[in-house]
Amino acid sequence: MKVRLWFVLGAVFVVTMAGLPALAHHSFAAEFDRSKPVTLTGTVTKVEWANPHARFYIDVKDETGKVNNWDFELASPNGLMRPVGQEIL
């Protein structure tokens, strides 16, 4: 009986630990304020189509004329390639 109890407790522990990385994923609201949008105009310098997030970079001139390279994070490449409204089966 004790062996079965320890087996069940061990299985519950493993399943619980396997789900913890999903809790660590960041949200848009935790990092950005939707009420303060930013508009940038510039030249795209690089596109990275890689997991876990696709990225692109833009060279933008500030008020003084200095060029700054901005990094933008997108969704996963898989999510970007899927047509809108198509669900994962």
N, C-alpha and C. Protein backbone atom coordinates (compact mmCIF):
# COMPACT_ATOMS: atom_id res chain seq x y z
N MET A 1 0.82 -1.20 0.00
CA MET A 1 0.00 0.00 0.00
C MET A 1 0.87 1.26 0.00
N LYS A 2 1.96 1.24 0.80
CA LYS A 2 2.85 2.40 0.85
C LYS A 2 3.51 2.66 -0.49
N VAL A 3 3.87 1.59 -1.21
CA VAL A 3 4.52 1.74 -2.50
C VAL A 3 3.56 2.41 -3.48
N ARG A 4 2.31 2.01 -3.47
CA ARG A 4 1.32 2.61 -4.38
C ARG A 4 1.12 4.08 -4.06
N LEU A 5 1.05 4.43 -2.78
CA LEU A 5 0.88 5.82 -2.37
C LEU A 5 2.06 6.67 -2.86
N TRP A 6 3.28 6.17 -2.67
CA TRP A 6 4.46 6.91 -3.11
C TRP A 6 4.49 7.05 -4.63
N PHE A 7 4.04 6.01 -5.33
CA PHE A 7 3.98 6.06 -6.78
C PHE A 7 3.00 7.14 -7.23
N VAL A 8 1.83 7.19 -6.62
CA VAL A 8 0.82 8.20 -6.97
C VAL A 8 1.34 9.60 -6.64
N LEU A 9 1.94 9.78 -5.46
CA LEU A 9 2.48 11.09 -5.09
C LEU A 9 3.59 11.51 -6.05
N GLY A 10 4.45 10.58 -6.45
CA GLY A 10 5.51 10.87 -7.40
C GLY A 10 4.96 11.29 -8.75
N ALA A 11 3.92 10.59 -9.22
CA ALA A 11 3.30 10.92 -10.50
C ALA A 11 2.67 12.31 -10.45
N VAL A 12 2.00 12.64 -9.35
CA VAL A 12 1.39 13.97 -9.19
C VAL A 12 2.48 15.04 -9.21
N PHE A 13 3.59 14.79 -8.54
CA PHE A 13 4.70 15.74 -8.51
C PHE A 13 5.26 15.97 -9.91
N VAL A 14 5.49 14.91 -10.67
CA VAL A 14 6.04 15.02 -12.03
C VAL A 14 5.09 15.80 -12.93
N VAL A 15 3.80 15.52 -12.87
CA VAL A 15 2.83 16.23 -13.70
C VAL A 15 2.77 17.70 -13.32
N THR A 16 2.83 18.00 -12.03
CA THR A 16 2.81 19.39 -11.57
C THR A 16 4.04 20.15 -12.05
N MET A 17 5.21 19.53 -11.93
CA MET A 17 6.45 20.18 -12.36
C MET A 17 6.49 20.38 -13.87
N ALA A 18 5.91 19.49 -14.62
CA ALA A 18 5.91 19.61 -16.08
C ALA A 18 5.10 20.83 -16.53
N GLY A 19 4.12 21.23 -15.76
CA GLY A 19 3.27 22.37 -16.13
C GLY A 19 3.83 23.72 -15.72
N LEU A 20 4.85 23.75 -14.88
CA LEU A 20 5.39 25.03 -14.39
C LEU A 20 5.98 25.92 -15.48
N PRO A 21 6.70 25.41 -16.48
CA PRO A 21 7.22 26.32 -17.50
C PRO A 21 6.13 27.12 -18.22
N ALA A 22 4.95 26.58 -18.35
CA ALA A 22 3.86 27.31 -19.00
C ALA A 22 3.45 28.54 -18.19
N LEU A 23 3.61 28.49 -16.88
CA LEU A 23 3.25 29.62 -16.03
C LEU A 23 4.26 30.76 -16.16
N ALA A 24 5.47 30.47 -16.59
CA ALA A 24 6.52 31.48 -16.66
C ALA A 24 6.44 32.33 -17.93
N HIS A 25 5.59 31.99 -18.88
CA HIS A 25 5.54 32.73 -20.14
C HIS A 25 5.02 34.15 -19.89
N HIS A 26 5.63 35.12 -20.56
CA HIS A 26 5.28 36.52 -20.35
C HIS A 26 4.03 36.91 -21.13
N SER A 27 3.37 37.94 -20.63
CA SER A 27 2.18 38.44 -21.31
C SER A 27 2.45 39.85 -21.83
N PHE A 28 1.69 40.26 -22.83
CA PHE A 28 1.84 41.60 -23.40
C PHE A 28 1.57 42.66 -22.33
N ALA A 29 0.51 42.47 -21.54
CA ALA A 29 0.11 43.46 -20.54
C ALA A 29 1.17 43.63 -19.44
N ALA A 30 1.95 42.58 -19.18
CA ALA A 30 2.98 42.68 -18.15
C ALA A 30 4.18 43.50 -18.61
N GLU A 31 4.38 43.61 -19.92
CA GLU A 31 5.56 44.29 -20.44
C GLU A 31 5.27 45.64 -21.08
N PHE A 32 4.04 45.85 -21.56
CA PHE A 32 3.73 47.05 -22.33
C PHE A 32 2.43 47.69 -21.85
N ASP A 33 2.31 49.00 -22.08
CA ASP A 33 1.11 49.74 -21.74
C ASP A 33 0.35 50.03 -23.03
N ARG A 34 -0.81 49.39 -23.21
CA ARG A 34 -1.60 49.55 -24.44
C ARG A 34 -2.10 50.98 -24.64
N SER A 35 -2.16 51.75 -23.57
CA SER A 35 -2.67 53.11 -23.69
C SER A 35 -1.59 54.09 -24.18
N LYS A 36 -0.36 53.63 -24.40
CA LYS A 36 0.73 54.49 -24.86
C LYS A 36 1.38 53.91 -26.12
N PRO A 37 0.66 53.93 -27.26
CA PRO A 37 1.23 53.38 -28.49
C PRO A 37 2.39 54.25 -29.00
N VAL A 38 3.30 53.62 -29.72
CA VAL A 38 4.46 54.29 -30.29
C VAL A 38 4.44 54.04 -31.80
N THR A 39 4.65 55.10 -32.59
CA THR A 39 4.73 54.97 -34.04
C THR A 39 6.16 55.24 -34.47
N LEU A 40 6.73 54.30 -35.22
CA LEU A 40 8.11 54.45 -35.69
C LEU A 40 8.14 54.30 -37.20
N THR A 41 9.02 55.06 -37.84
CA THR A 41 9.24 54.96 -39.28
C THR A 41 10.73 54.75 -39.49
N GLY A 42 11.06 53.76 -40.30
CA GLY A 42 12.47 53.48 -40.53
C GLY A 42 12.67 52.42 -41.58
N THR A 43 13.87 51.88 -41.61
CA THR A 43 14.26 50.87 -42.58
C THR A 43 14.43 49.53 -41.88
N VAL A 44 13.78 48.50 -42.40
CA VAL A 44 13.94 47.16 -41.84
C VAL A 44 15.35 46.68 -42.17
N THR A 45 16.10 46.28 -41.14
CA THR A 45 17.49 45.87 -41.33
C THR A 45 17.69 44.36 -41.22
N LYS A 46 16.77 43.69 -40.54
CA LYS A 46 16.95 42.26 -40.33
C LYS A 46 15.61 41.63 -39.95
N VAL A 47 15.39 40.39 -40.41
CA VAL A 47 14.21 39.61 -40.03
C VAL A 47 14.71 38.26 -39.56
N GLU A 48 14.29 37.82 -38.37
CA GLU A 48 14.66 36.51 -37.84
C GLU A 48 13.40 35.66 -37.74
N TRP A 49 13.33 34.61 -38.49
CA TRP A 49 12.18 33.71 -38.53
C TRP A 49 12.56 32.48 -37.73
N ALA A 50 12.55 32.58 -36.39
CA ALA A 50 13.03 31.49 -35.54
C ALA A 50 12.14 31.35 -34.31
N ASN A 51 12.12 30.16 -33.74
CA ASN A 51 11.38 29.92 -32.51
C ASN A 51 12.16 30.46 -31.33
N PRO A 52 11.55 30.88 -30.24
CA PRO A 52 10.12 30.81 -29.99
C PRO A 52 9.34 31.99 -30.55
N HIS A 53 10.03 33.06 -30.97
CA HIS A 53 9.34 34.22 -31.53
C HIS A 53 10.09 34.73 -32.74
N ALA A 54 9.37 35.11 -33.77
CA ALA A 54 9.99 35.78 -34.91
C ALA A 54 10.30 37.22 -34.48
N ARG A 55 11.30 37.82 -35.10
CA ARG A 55 11.71 39.19 -34.76
C ARG A 55 12.04 39.95 -36.03
N PHE A 56 11.90 41.28 -35.95
CA PHE A 56 12.45 42.11 -37.01
C PHE A 56 13.05 43.36 -36.38
N TYR A 57 14.00 43.94 -37.09
CA TYR A 57 14.76 45.08 -36.58
C TYR A 57 14.62 46.24 -37.56
N ILE A 58 14.51 47.46 -37.01
CA ILE A 58 14.33 48.66 -37.82
C ILE A 58 15.31 49.74 -37.37
N ASP A 59 15.98 50.37 -38.32
CA ASP A 59 16.80 51.54 -38.03
C ASP A 59 15.91 52.77 -38.06
N VAL A 60 15.86 53.49 -36.94
CA VAL A 60 15.00 54.67 -36.80
C VAL A 60 15.86 55.86 -36.36
N LYS A 61 15.68 57.02 -37.03
CA LYS A 61 16.40 58.24 -36.63
C LYS A 61 15.62 58.93 -35.53
N ASP A 62 16.34 59.34 -34.46
CA ASP A 62 15.68 60.09 -33.39
C ASP A 62 15.69 61.59 -33.71
N GLU A 63 15.27 62.42 -32.78
CA GLU A 63 15.16 63.87 -33.00
C GLU A 63 16.50 64.52 -33.33
N THR A 64 17.59 63.95 -32.83
CA THR A 64 18.92 64.52 -33.06
C THR A 64 19.57 64.00 -34.34
N GLY A 65 18.92 63.05 -35.02
CA GLY A 65 19.47 62.48 -36.24
C GLY A 65 20.25 61.19 -36.01
N LYS A 66 20.40 60.80 -34.75
CA LYS A 66 21.11 59.56 -34.43
C LYS A 66 20.23 58.36 -34.81
N VAL A 67 20.84 57.35 -35.42
CA VAL A 67 20.10 56.16 -35.83
C VAL A 67 20.15 55.12 -34.70
N ASN A 68 18.96 54.65 -34.31
CA ASN A 68 18.84 53.61 -33.29
C ASN A 68 18.20 52.38 -33.94
N ASN A 69 18.68 51.21 -33.57
CA ASN A 69 18.13 49.97 -34.11
C ASN A 69 17.12 49.41 -33.11
N TRP A 70 15.85 49.34 -33.52
CA TRP A 70 14.78 48.84 -32.67
C TRP A 70 14.54 47.37 -32.99
N ASP A 71 14.23 46.60 -31.93
CA ASP A 71 13.98 45.17 -32.03
C ASP A 71 12.50 44.92 -31.72
N PHE A 72 11.79 44.26 -32.63
CA PHE A 72 10.37 43.96 -32.44
C PHE A 72 10.15 42.46 -32.37
N GLU A 73 9.42 42.02 -31.37
CA GLU A 73 9.11 40.61 -31.18
C GLU A 73 7.70 40.32 -31.69
N LEU A 74 7.58 39.26 -32.48
CA LEU A 74 6.29 38.84 -33.02
C LEU A 74 5.87 37.53 -32.38
N ALA A 75 4.81 36.95 -32.89
CA ALA A 75 4.37 35.63 -32.43
C ALA A 75 5.32 34.57 -32.97
N SER A 76 5.04 33.31 -32.68
CA SER A 76 5.87 32.23 -33.19
C SER A 76 5.73 32.14 -34.71
N PRO A 77 6.75 31.66 -35.41
CA PRO A 77 6.64 31.52 -36.87
C PRO A 77 5.46 30.65 -37.27
N ASN A 78 5.19 29.59 -36.51
CA ASN A 78 4.05 28.73 -36.82
C ASN A 78 2.74 29.50 -36.75
N GLY A 79 2.58 30.32 -35.74
CA GLY A 79 1.36 31.11 -35.60
C GLY A 79 1.23 32.17 -36.67
N LEU A 80 2.34 32.72 -37.13
CA LEU A 80 2.30 33.74 -38.17
C LEU A 80 1.98 33.15 -39.54
N MET A 81 2.37 31.90 -39.77
CA MET A 81 2.13 31.27 -41.07
C MET A 81 0.70 30.74 -41.21
N ARG A 82 0.04 30.43 -40.08
CA ARG A 82 -1.30 29.87 -40.13
C ARG A 82 -2.31 30.92 -40.56
N PRO A 83 -3.18 30.60 -41.51
CA PRO A 83 -4.20 31.56 -41.94
C PRO A 83 -5.11 31.97 -40.76
N VAL A 84 -5.55 33.19 -40.77
CA VAL A 84 -6.42 33.69 -39.72
C VAL A 84 -7.68 32.85 -39.63
N GLY A 85 -8.04 32.47 -38.42
CA GLY A 85 -9.25 31.68 -38.22
C GLY A 85 -9.04 30.18 -38.27
N GLN A 86 -7.87 29.74 -38.72
CA GLN A 86 -7.60 28.30 -38.77
C GLN A 86 -7.18 27.83 -37.40
N GLU A 87 -7.83 26.83 -36.90
CA GLU A 87 -7.54 26.32 -35.57
C GLU A 87 -6.61 25.13 -35.65
N ILE A 88 -5.86 24.94 -34.56
CA ILE A 88 -4.98 23.79 -34.45
C ILE A 88 -5.82 22.56 -34.13
N LEU A 89 -5.68 21.52 -34.89
CA LEU A 89 -6.45 20.30 -34.64
C LEU A 89 -5.64 19.30 -33.88
